[in-house]
Amino acid sequence: MAQEIIEQIKLFENFRYDMTRNRIVNLKVGEETDIFTFRKIFSILNKHRIYYTFENNFEIQIVE
């Protein structure tokens, strides 16, 4: 995934990009997840035509 997109995702404090698993990880597992932020992230991915799937605990798996 492009560094520009990773930098945008880093701006969200409750999510981070895990390079080893190629996944956007929710850091608030078991707590109330900010759905608005989650939607912003997949909006960024859609804008850049990044293919992804939704996983458990509001994580996003990047599909290559």
C-alpha atoms as a PDB file:
ATOM      1  CA  MET A   1       0.000   0.000   0.000  1.00  0.00           C
ATOM      2  CA  ALA A   2       1.291   3.482  -0.816  1.00  0.00           C
ATOM      3  CA  GLN A   3       3.057   5.438   1.917  1.00  0.00           C
ATOM      4  CA  GLU A   4       0.652   8.367   1.394  1.00  0.00           C
ATOM      5  CA  ILE A   5      -2.313   6.173   2.349  1.00  0.00           C
ATOM      6  CA  ILE A   6      -0.482   4.719   5.346  1.00  0.00           C
ATOM      7  CA  GLU A   7       0.273   8.249   6.562  1.00  0.00           C
ATOM      8  CA  GLN A   8      -3.427   9.156   6.295  1.00  0.00           C
ATOM      9  CA  ILE A   9      -4.384   6.104   8.341  1.00  0.00           C
ATOM     10  CA  LYS A  10      -1.789   6.979  11.006  1.00  0.00           C
ATOM     11  CA  LEU A  11      -3.772  10.148  11.711  1.00  0.00           C
ATOM     12  CA  PHE A  12      -6.544   8.050  13.276  1.00  0.00           C
ATOM     13  CA  GLU A  13      -5.554   7.270  16.858  1.00  0.00           C
ATOM     14  CA  ASN A  14      -7.691   4.132  17.221  1.00  0.00           C
ATOM     15  CA  PHE A  15      -6.426   2.362  14.091  1.00  0.00           C
ATOM     16  CA  ARG A  16      -2.990   1.511  12.719  1.00  0.00           C
ATOM     17  CA  TYR A  17      -1.607  -0.227   9.668  1.00  0.00           C
ATOM     18  CA  ASP A  18       0.160  -3.525  10.405  1.00  0.00           C
ATOM     19  CA  MET A  19       2.653  -4.042   7.556  1.00  0.00           C
ATOM     20  CA  THR A  20       3.461  -7.639   8.485  1.00  0.00           C
ATOM     21  CA  ARG A  21      -0.170  -8.739   8.185  1.00  0.00           C
ATOM     22  CA  ASN A  22      -1.175  -6.154   5.538  1.00  0.00           C
ATOM     23  CA  ARG A  23      -4.105  -5.179   7.712  1.00  0.00           C
ATOM     24  CA  ILE A  24      -5.575  -2.091   9.345  1.00  0.00           C
ATOM     25  CA  VAL A  25      -5.933  -2.993  13.000  1.00  0.00           C
ATOM     26  CA  ASN A  26      -8.523  -1.661  15.435  1.00  0.00           C
ATOM     27  CA  LEU A  27      -6.716  -0.721  18.659  1.00  0.00           C
ATOM     28  CA  LYS A  28      -9.945  -0.538  20.676  1.00  0.00           C
ATOM     29  CA  VAL A  29     -10.931  -4.205  20.493  1.00  0.00           C
ATOM     30  CA  GLY A  30     -13.546  -4.924  23.136  1.00  0.00           C
ATOM     31  CA  GLU A  31     -14.346  -1.245  23.558  1.00  0.00           C
ATOM     32  CA  GLU A  32     -16.732   0.976  21.678  1.00  0.00           C
ATOM     33  CA  THR A  33     -15.279   1.429  18.200  1.00  0.00           C
ATOM     34  CA  ASP A  34     -15.687   4.785  16.499  1.00  0.00           C
ATOM     35  CA  ILE A  35     -17.736   3.790  13.448  1.00  0.00           C
ATOM     36  CA  PHE A  36     -17.351   7.268  11.941  1.00  0.00           C
ATOM     37  CA  THR A  37     -13.559   6.855  11.879  1.00  0.00           C
ATOM     38  CA  PHE A  38     -13.903   3.325  10.524  1.00  0.00           C
ATOM     39  CA  ARG A  39     -16.029   4.659   7.649  1.00  0.00           C
ATOM     40  CA  LYS A  40     -13.475   7.406   6.939  1.00  0.00           C
ATOM     41  CA  ILE A  41     -10.774   4.759   6.561  1.00  0.00           C
ATOM     42  CA  PHE A  42     -12.661   2.657   4.065  1.00  0.00           C
ATOM     43  CA  SER A  43     -13.608   5.859   2.231  1.00  0.00           C
ATOM     44  CA  ILE A  44      -9.859   6.564   1.846  1.00  0.00           C
ATOM     45  CA  LEU A  45      -9.306   3.013   0.621  1.00  0.00           C
ATOM     46  CA  ASN A  46     -12.147   3.302  -1.898  1.00  0.00           C
ATOM     47  CA  LYS A  47     -10.854   6.639  -3.163  1.00  0.00           C
ATOM     48  CA  HIS A  48      -7.470   5.051  -3.901  1.00  0.00           C
ATOM     49  CA  ARG A  49      -9.042   1.863  -5.279  1.00  0.00           C
ATOM     50  CA  ILE A  50      -7.531  -0.365  -2.624  1.00  0.00           C
ATOM     51  CA  TYR A  51      -9.251  -3.749  -2.397  1.00  0.00           C
ATOM     52  CA  TYR A  52     -10.078  -4.906   1.122  1.00  0.00           C
ATOM     53  CA  THR A  53     -12.318  -7.144   3.206  1.00  0.00           C
ATOM     54  CA  PHE A  54     -13.812  -6.554   6.634  1.00  0.00           C
ATOM     55  CA  GLU A  55     -12.624  -8.842   9.409  1.00  0.00           C
ATOM     56  CA  ASN A  56     -13.617  -9.428  13.036  1.00  0.00           C
ATOM     57  CA  ASN A  57     -13.263  -6.587  15.552  1.00  0.00           C
ATOM     58  CA  PHE A  58     -13.503  -3.891  12.875  1.00  0.00           C
ATOM     59  CA  GLU A  59     -10.221  -4.792  11.238  1.00  0.00           C
ATOM     60  CA  ILE A  60      -9.638  -4.352   7.512  1.00  0.00           C
ATOM     61  CA  GLN A  61      -7.648  -6.888   5.507  1.00  0.00           C
ATOM     62  CA  ILE A  62      -5.978  -5.424   2.418  1.00  0.00           C
ATOM     63  CA  VAL A  63      -6.357  -7.724  -0.584  1.00  0.00           C
ATOM     64  CA  GLU A  64      -3.630  -7.632  -3.217  1.00  0.00           C
END
